[in-house]
PDB file of N, CA and C in Angstrom:
ATOM      1  N   LEU A   1      51.768-118.909  77.286  1.00  0.00           N
ATOM      2  CA  LEU A   1      51.230-118.304  76.022  1.00  0.00           C
ATOM      3  C   LEU A   1      50.706-119.456  75.142  1.00  0.00           C
ATOM      4  N   LEU A   2      49.607-119.238  74.587  1.00  0.00           N
ATOM      5  CA  LEU A   2      48.935-120.152  73.680  1.00  0.00           C
ATOM      6  C   LEU A   2      48.901-119.494  72.310  1.00  0.00           C
ATOM      7  N   GLY A   3      49.976-119.726  71.554  1.00  0.00           N
ATOM      8  CA  GLY A   3      50.055-119.050  70.281  1.00  0.00           C
ATOM      9  C   GLY A   3      50.036-117.525  70.435  1.00  0.00           C
ATOM     10  N   ASP A   4      48.963-116.923  70.069  1.00  0.00           N
ATOM     11  CA  ASP A   4      48.879-115.431  70.119  1.00  0.00           C
ATOM     12  C   ASP A   4      48.055-114.966  71.332  1.00  0.00           C
ATOM     13  N   ARG A   5      47.782-115.815  72.246  1.00  0.00           N
ATOM     14  CA  ARG A   5      46.970-115.392  73.437  1.00  0.00           C
ATOM     15  C   ARG A   5      47.656-115.968  74.685  1.00  0.00           C
ATOM     16  N   ALA A   6      47.270-115.337  75.784  1.00  0.00           N
ATOM     17  CA  ALA A   6      47.862-115.724  77.057  1.00  0.00           C
ATOM     18  C   ALA A   6      46.811-116.198  78.036  1.00  0.00           C
ATOM     19  N   ILE A   7      47.146-117.106  78.900  1.00  0.00           N
ATOM     20  CA  ILE A   7      46.246-117.608  79.958  1.00  0.00           C
ATOM     21  C   ILE A   7      46.876-117.052  81.246  1.00  0.00           C
ATOM     22  N   THR A   8      46.069-116.407  82.050  1.00  0.00           N
ATOM     23  CA  THR A   8      46.574-115.896  83.334  1.00  0.00           C
ATOM     24  C   THR A   8      45.902-116.692  84.438  1.00  0.00           C
ATOM     25  N   ALA A   9      46.593-116.710  85.580  1.00  0.00           N
ATOM     26  CA  ALA A   9      46.040-117.410  86.788  1.00  0.00           C
ATOM     27  C   ALA A   9      46.230-116.509  88.008  1.00  0.00           C
ATOM     28  N   SER A  10      45.239-116.542  88.840  1.00  0.00           N
ATOM     29  CA  SER A  10      45.325-115.810  90.123  1.00  0.00           C
ATOM     30  C   SER A  10      46.065-116.711  91.139  1.00  0.00           C
ATOM     31  N   ARG A  11      46.375-116.168  92.230  1.00  0.00           N
ATOM     32  CA  ARG A  11      46.996-116.933  93.324  1.00  0.00           C
ATOM     33  C   ARG A  11      46.115-118.060  93.773  1.00  0.00           C
ATOM     34  N   ASN A  12      44.802-117.852  93.737  1.00  0.00           N
ATOM     35  CA  ASN A  12      43.845-118.890  94.125  1.00  0.00           C
ATOM     36  C   ASN A  12      43.885-120.053  93.198  1.00  0.00           C
ATOM     37  N   GLU A  13      44.198-119.756  91.884  1.00  0.00           N
ATOM     38  CA  GLU A  13      44.308-120.828  90.902  1.00  0.00           C
ATOM     39  C   GLU A  13      45.640-121.575  90.899  1.00  0.00           C
ATOM     40  N   VAL A  14      46.728-120.832  91.054  1.00  0.00           N
ATOM     41  CA  VAL A  14      48.073-121.374  91.109  1.00  0.00           C
ATOM     42  C   VAL A  14      48.840-120.661  92.177  1.00  0.00           C
ATOM     43  N   ASP A  15      49.090-121.312  93.268  1.00  0.00           N
ATOM     44  CA  ASP A  15      49.810-120.768  94.452  1.00  0.00           C
ATOM     45  C   ASP A  15      51.130-121.381  94.562  1.00  0.00           C
ATOM     46  N   LEU A  16      52.229-120.661  94.164  1.00  0.00           N
ATOM     47  CA  LEU A  16      53.574-121.299  94.274  1.00  0.00           C
ATOM     48  C   LEU A  16      53.999-121.599  95.677  1.00  0.00           C
ATOM     49  N   ALA A  17      53.337-121.062  96.658  1.00  0.00           N
ATOM     50  CA  ALA A  17      53.622-121.423  98.122  1.00  0.00           C
ATOM     51  C   ALA A  17      53.105-122.833  98.471  1.00  0.00           C
ATOM     52  N   ASN A  18      52.111-123.286  97.677  1.00  0.00           N
ATOM     53  CA  ASN A  18      51.513-124.546  97.924  1.00  0.00           C
ATOM     54  C   ASN A  18      52.493-125.665  97.395  1.00  0.00           C
ATOM     55  N   PRO A  19      52.898-126.586  98.211  1.00  0.00           N
ATOM     56  CA  PRO A  19      53.771-127.660  97.746  1.00  0.00           C
ATOM     57  C   PRO A  19      53.198-128.489  96.605  1.00  0.00           C
ATOM     58  N   ASP A  20      51.898-128.479  96.397  1.00  0.00           N
ATOM     59  CA  ASP A  20      51.268-129.229  95.353  1.00  0.00           C
ATOM     60  C   ASP A  20      50.915-128.301  94.172  1.00  0.00           C
ATOM     61  N   PHE A  21      51.562-127.145  93.996  1.00  0.00           N
ATOM     62  CA  PHE A  21      51.177-126.219  92.984  1.00  0.00           C
ATOM     63  C   PHE A  21      51.276-126.787  91.596  1.00  0.00           C
ATOM     64  N   MET A  22      52.112-127.794  91.375  1.00  0.00           N
ATOM     65  CA  MET A  22      52.285-128.347  90.076  1.00  0.00           C
ATOM     66  C   MET A  22      51.007-129.006  89.619  1.00  0.00           C
ATOM     67  N   GLN A  23      50.238-129.531  90.509  1.00  0.00           N
ATOM     68  CA  GLN A  23      48.951-130.112  90.134  1.00  0.00           C
ATOM     69  C   GLN A  23      48.009-128.996  89.619  1.00  0.00           C
ATOM     70  N   GLN A  24      48.148-127.819  90.245  1.00  0.00           N
ATOM     71  CA  GLN A  24      47.387-126.685  89.786  1.00  0.00           C
ATOM     72  C   GLN A  24      47.806-126.292  88.380  1.00  0.00           C
ATOM     73  N   ILE A  25      49.127-126.288  88.113  1.00  0.00           N
ATOM     74  CA  ILE A  25      49.705-126.000  86.814  1.00  0.00           C
ATOM     75  C   ILE A  25      49.128-127.025  85.824  1.00  0.00           C
ATOM     76  N   GLU A  26      49.189-128.295  86.161  1.00  0.00           N
ATOM     77  CA  GLU A  26      48.699-129.386  85.240  1.00  0.00           C
ATOM     78  C   GLU A  26      47.218-129.135  84.844  1.00  0.00           C
ATOM     79  N   ARG A  27      46.384-128.840  85.832  1.00  0.00           N
ATOM     80  CA  ARG A  27      44.977-128.599  85.599  1.00  0.00           C
ATOM     81  C   ARG A  27      44.758-127.387  84.657  1.00  0.00           C
ATOM     82  N   LEU A  28      45.549-126.390  84.800  1.00  0.00           N
ATOM     83  CA  LEU A  28      45.468-125.125  83.993  1.00  0.00           C
ATOM     84  C   LEU A  28      46.006-125.316  82.561  1.00  0.00           C
ATOM     85  N   LEU A  29      47.119-126.016  82.397  1.00  0.00           N
ATOM     86  CA  LEU A  29      47.792-125.990  81.141  1.00  0.00           C
ATOM     87  C   LEU A  29      47.797-127.241  80.308  1.00  0.00           C
ATOM     88  N   VAL A  30      47.615-128.480  80.940  1.00  0.00           N
ATOM     89  CA  VAL A  30      47.726-129.628  80.175  1.00  0.00           C
ATOM     90  C   VAL A  30      46.583-129.728  79.119  1.00  0.00           C
ATOM     91  N   GLY A  31      46.944-130.095  77.940  1.00  0.00           N
ATOM     92  CA  GLY A  31      45.915-130.217  76.869  1.00  0.00           C
ATOM     93  C   GLY A  31      45.869-128.844  76.068  1.00  0.00           C
ATOM     94  N   GLN A  32      46.571-127.804  76.534  1.00  0.00           N
ATOM     95  CA  GLN A  32      46.554-126.577  75.855  1.00  0.00           C
ATOM     96  C   GLN A  32      47.720-126.530  74.852  1.00  0.00           C
ATOM     97  N   PRO A  33      47.588-125.833  73.757  1.00  0.00           N
ATOM     98  CA  PRO A  33      48.692-125.700  72.810  1.00  0.00           C
ATOM     99  C   PRO A  33      49.689-124.572  73.265  1.00  0.00           C
ATOM    100  N   ILE A  34      50.520-124.921  74.206  1.00  0.00           N
ATOM    101  CA  ILE A  34      51.397-123.938  74.895  1.00  0.00           C
ATOM    102  C   ILE A  34      52.598-123.637  74.079  1.00  0.00           C
ATOM    103  N   ALA A  35      52.917-122.332  73.942  1.00  0.00           N
ATOM    104  CA  ALA A  35      54.110-121.919  73.234  1.00  0.00           C
ATOM    105  C   ALA A  35      55.248-121.545  74.225  1.00  0.00           C
ATOM    106  N   ALA A  36      54.875-121.060  75.410  1.00  0.00           N
ATOM    107  CA  ALA A  36      55.853-120.654  76.409  1.00  0.00           C
ATOM    108  C   ALA A  36      55.139-120.443  77.749  1.00  0.00           C
ATOM    109  N   VAL A  37      55.902-120.460  78.797  1.00  0.00           N
ATOM    110  CA  VAL A  37      55.333-120.195  80.122  1.00  0.00           C
ATOM    111  C   VAL A  37      56.029-118.909  80.674  1.00  0.00           C
ATOM    112  N   ILE A  38      55.253-117.997  81.097  1.00  0.00           N
ATOM    113  CA  ILE A  38      55.799-116.781  81.733  1.00  0.00           C
ATOM    114  C   ILE A  38      55.442-116.752  83.194  1.00  0.00           C
ATOM    115  N   ASN A  39      56.368-116.711  84.065  1.00  0.00           N
ATOM    116  CA  ASN A  39      56.149-116.654  85.518  1.00  0.00           C
ATOM    117  C   ASN A  39      56.462-115.235  85.983  1.00  0.00           C
ATOM    118  N   ALA A  40      55.478-114.528  86.371  1.00  0.00           N
ATOM    119  CA  ALA A  40      55.634-113.175  86.909  1.00  0.00           C
ATOM    120  C   ALA A  40      55.406-113.086  88.407  1.00  0.00           C
ATOM    121  N   THR A  41      55.437-114.294  89.014  1.00  0.00           N
ATOM    122  CA  THR A  41      55.207-114.424  90.484  1.00  0.00           C
ATOM    123  C   THR A  41      56.501-114.276  91.258  1.00  0.00           C
ATOM    124  N   ALA A  42      56.459-113.591  92.367  1.00  0.00           N
ATOM    125  CA  ALA A  42      57.646-113.548  93.218  1.00  0.00           C
ATOM    126  C   ALA A  42      57.247-113.121  94.647  1.00  0.00           C
ATOM    127  N   TYR A  43      57.999-113.557  95.597  1.00  0.00           N
ATOM    128  CA  TYR A  43      57.828-113.115  96.973  1.00  0.00           C
ATOM    129  C   TYR A  43      58.678-111.845  97.098  1.00  0.00           C
ATOM    130  N   THR A  44      58.081-110.690  97.320  1.00  0.00           N
ATOM    131  CA  THR A  44      58.847-109.455  97.285  1.00  0.00           C
ATOM    132  C   THR A  44      58.879-108.696  98.647  1.00  0.00           C
ATOM    133  N   GLN A  45      58.432-109.283  99.666  1.00  0.00           N
ATOM    134  CA  GLN A  45      58.480-108.614 101.002  1.00  0.00           C
ATOM    135  C   GLN A  45      59.859-108.848 101.589  1.00  0.00           C
ATOM    136  N   VAL A  46      60.803-108.003 101.197  1.00  0.00           N
ATOM    137  CA  VAL A  46      62.211-108.208 101.587  1.00  0.00           C
ATOM    138  C   VAL A  46      62.399-108.207 103.072  1.00  0.00           C
ATOM    139  N   ASP A  47      61.814-107.320 103.797  1.00  0.00           N
ATOM    140  CA  ASP A  47      61.988-107.288 105.211  1.00  0.00           C
ATOM    141  C   ASP A  47      61.465-108.504 105.884  1.00  0.00           C
ATOM    142  N   ALA A  48      60.312-109.042 105.428  1.00  0.00           N
ATOM    143  CA  ALA A  48      59.726-110.228 106.011  1.00  0.00           C
ATOM    144  C   ALA A  48      60.575-111.479 105.622  1.00  0.00           C
ATOM    145  N   ALA A  49      61.150-111.429 104.426  1.00  0.00           N
ATOM    146  CA  ALA A  49      61.991-112.579 104.008  1.00  0.00           C
ATOM    147  C   ALA A  49      63.245-112.723 104.823  1.00  0.00           C
ATOM    148  N   GLU A  50      63.680-111.664 105.472  1.00  0.00           N
ATOM    149  CA  GLU A  50      64.825-111.740 106.340  1.00  0.00           C
ATOM    150  C   GLU A  50      64.509-112.336 107.659  1.00  0.00           C
ATOM    151  N   GLY A  51      63.198-112.505 107.962  1.00  0.00           N
ATOM    152  CA  GLY A  51      62.781-113.037 109.270  1.00  0.00           C
ATOM    153  C   GLY A  51      61.864-114.215 109.037  1.00  0.00           C
ATOM    154  N   GLU A  52      60.562-113.980 109.502  1.00  0.00           N
ATOM    155  CA  GLU A  52      59.571-115.115 109.476  1.00  0.00           C
ATOM    156  C   GLU A  52      59.286-115.604 108.003  1.00  0.00           C
ATOM    157  N   GLY A  53      59.389-114.736 107.092  1.00  0.00           N
ATOM    158  CA  GLY A  53      59.007-115.082 105.685  1.00  0.00           C
ATOM    159  C   GLY A  53      60.101-115.790 104.904  1.00  0.00           C
ATOM    160  N   HIS A  54      61.249-116.097 105.523  1.00  0.00           N
ATOM    161  CA  HIS A  54      62.366-116.693 104.854  1.00  0.00           C
ATOM    162  C   HIS A  54      62.001-117.946 104.134  1.00  0.00           C
ATOM    163  N   ASP A  55      61.356-118.890 104.763  1.00  0.00           N
ATOM    164  CA  ASP A  55      60.955-120.178 104.178  1.00  0.00           C
ATOM    165  C   ASP A  55      59.977-119.989 103.045  1.00  0.00           C
ATOM    166  N   LEU A  56      59.058-119.037 103.209  1.00  0.00           N
ATOM    167  CA  LEU A  56      58.083-118.812 102.139  1.00  0.00           C
ATOM    168  C   LEU A  56      58.768-118.179 100.923  1.00  0.00           C
ATOM    169  N   ALA A  57      59.687-117.253 101.174  1.00  0.00           N
ATOM    170  CA  ALA A  57      60.434-116.610 100.082  1.00  0.00           C
ATOM    171  C   ALA A  57      61.250-117.644  99.291  1.00  0.00           C
ATOM    172  N   LEU A  58      61.891-118.531 100.035  1.00  0.00           N
ATOM    173  CA  LEU A  58      62.657-119.597  99.422  1.00  0.00           C
ATOM    174  C   LEU A  58      61.777-120.505  98.585  1.00  0.00           C
ATOM    175  N   ARG A  59      60.615-120.831  99.115  1.00  0.00           N
ATOM    176  CA  ARG A  59      59.695-121.735  98.379  1.00  0.00           C
ATOM    177  C   ARG A  59      59.223-121.068  97.095  1.00  0.00           C
ATOM    178  N   VAL A  60      58.731-119.819  97.180  1.00  0.00           N
ATOM    179  CA  VAL A  60      58.110-119.180  96.021  1.00  0.00           C
ATOM    180  C   VAL A  60      59.189-118.781  94.985  1.00  0.00           C
ATOM    181  N   ASN A  61      60.329-118.200  95.475  1.00  0.00           N
ATOM    182  CA  ASN A  61      61.335-117.626  94.545  1.00  0.00           C
ATOM    183  C   ASN A  61      62.342-118.665  94.110  1.00  0.00           C
ATOM    184  N   GLY A  62      62.443-119.775  94.780  1.00  0.00           N
ATOM    185  CA  GLY A  62      63.455-120.793  94.447  1.00  0.00           C
ATOM    186  C   GLY A  62      62.883-122.115  94.081  1.00  0.00           C
ATOM    187  N   GLN A  63      62.412-122.832  95.051  1.00  0.00           N
ATOM    188  CA  GLN A  63      62.011-124.187  94.861  1.00  0.00           C
ATOM    189  C   GLN A  63      60.889-124.294  93.834  1.00  0.00           C
ATOM    190  N   ALA A  64      59.872-123.498  93.966  1.00  0.00           N
ATOM    191  CA  ALA A  64      58.747-123.594  93.019  1.00  0.00           C
ATOM    192  C   ALA A  64      59.155-123.258  91.621  1.00  0.00           C
ATOM    193  N   VAL A  65      60.021-122.290  91.426  1.00  0.00           N
ATOM    194  CA  VAL A  65      60.501-121.922  90.113  1.00  0.00           C
ATOM    195  C   VAL A  65      61.339-123.060  89.566  1.00  0.00           C
ATOM    196  N   GLY A  66      62.100-123.742  90.379  1.00  0.00           N
ATOM    197  CA  GLY A  66      62.860-124.852  89.902  1.00  0.00           C
ATOM    198  C   GLY A  66      61.952-125.976  89.420  1.00  0.00           C
ATOM    199  N   GLU A  67      60.874-126.206  90.141  1.00  0.00           N
ATOM    200  CA  GLU A  67      59.925-127.226  89.719  1.00  0.00           C
ATOM    201  C   GLU A  67      59.211-126.853  88.398  1.00  0.00           C
ATOM    202  N   LEU A  68      58.875-125.566  88.305  1.00  0.00           N
ATOM    203  CA  LEU A  68      58.275-125.080  87.080  1.00  0.00           C
ATOM    204  C   LEU A  68      59.217-125.175  85.909  1.00  0.00           C
ATOM    205  N   ALA A  69      60.489-124.870  86.110  1.00  0.00           N
ATOM    206  CA  ALA A  69      61.466-124.985  85.098  1.00  0.00           C
ATOM    207  C   ALA A  69      61.709-126.431  84.609  1.00  0.00           C
ATOM    208  N   ALA A  70      61.675-127.362  85.523  1.00  0.00           N
ATOM    209  CA  ALA A  70      61.816-128.762  85.198  1.00  0.00           C
ATOM    210  C   ALA A  70      60.599-129.232  84.377  1.00  0.00           C
ATOM    211  N   TRP A  71      59.415-128.752  84.763  1.00  0.00           N
ATOM    212  CA  TRP A  71      58.164-129.074  84.059  1.00  0.00           C
ATOM    213  C   TRP A  71      58.250-128.605  82.634  1.00  0.00           C
ATOM    214  N   CYS A  72      58.716-127.353  82.467  1.00  0.00           N
ATOM    215  CA  CYS A  72      58.858-126.784  81.126  1.00  0.00           C
ATOM    216  C   CYS A  72      59.941-127.441  80.310  1.00  0.00           C
ATOM    217  N   ALA A  73      61.048-127.794  80.908  1.00  0.00           N
ATOM    218  CA  ALA A  73      62.143-128.427  80.246  1.00  0.00           C
ATOM    219  C   ALA A  73      61.692-129.823  79.683  1.00  0.00           C
ATOM    220  N   LYS A  74      60.941-130.568  80.519  1.00  0.00           N
ATOM    221  CA  LYS A  74      60.462-131.846  80.098  1.00  0.00           C
ATOM    222  C   LYS A  74      59.572-131.746  78.876  1.00  0.00           C
ATOM    223  N   ARG A  75      58.905-130.613  78.680  1.00  0.00           N
ATOM    224  CA  ARG A  75      57.999-130.419  77.554  1.00  0.00           C
ATOM    225  C   ARG A  75      58.640-129.538  76.475  1.00  0.00           C
ATOM    226  N   LYS A  76      59.902-129.232  76.665  1.00  0.00           N
ATOM    227  CA  LYS A  76      60.639-128.405  75.666  1.00  0.00           C
ATOM    228  C   LYS A  76      59.983-127.027  75.466  1.00  0.00           C
ATOM    229  N   LEU A  77      59.475-126.495  76.577  1.00  0.00           N
ATOM    230  CA  LEU A  77      58.845-125.159  76.540  1.00  0.00           C
ATOM    231  C   LEU A  77      59.798-124.098  77.181  1.00  0.00           C
ATOM    232  N   PRO A  78      59.908-122.928  76.572  1.00  0.00           N
ATOM    233  CA  PRO A  78      60.646-121.892  77.216  1.00  0.00           C
ATOM    234  C   PRO A  78      59.951-121.332  78.444  1.00  0.00           C
ATOM    235  N   LEU A  79      60.701-121.051  79.441  1.00  0.00           N
ATOM    236  CA  LEU A  79      60.170-120.419  80.656  1.00  0.00           C
ATOM    237  C   LEU A  79      60.831-119.049  80.808  1.00  0.00           C
ATOM    238  N   VAL A  80      59.963-118.047  80.927  1.00  0.00           N
ATOM    239  CA  VAL A  80      60.443-116.673  81.163  1.00  0.00           C
ATOM    240  C   VAL A  80      60.085-116.366  82.607  1.00  0.00           C
ATOM    241  N   HIS A  81      61.100-116.024  83.369  1.00  0.00           N
ATOM    242  CA  HIS A  81      60.862-115.739  84.799  1.00  0.00           C
ATOM    243  C   HIS A  81      61.359-114.386  85.154  1.00  0.00           C
TER     244      HIS A  81
END
């Protein structure tokens, strides 16, 4: 959130499955007057997550969110997930 407006990003712009997604976040948000970060991204294919999608689900729903939370904490920004 930028004050009273929001910036949105598509998966092409910010892909939490990409190990370098924080660089995408930096390009999108650095220099903006950010009030908060809202992450509405999740890996939701439950059946796939129990099999082949396990690593992807862990990356998107766990590791990436942790990295985003650390980024927000460093900047004293609230993160809504």
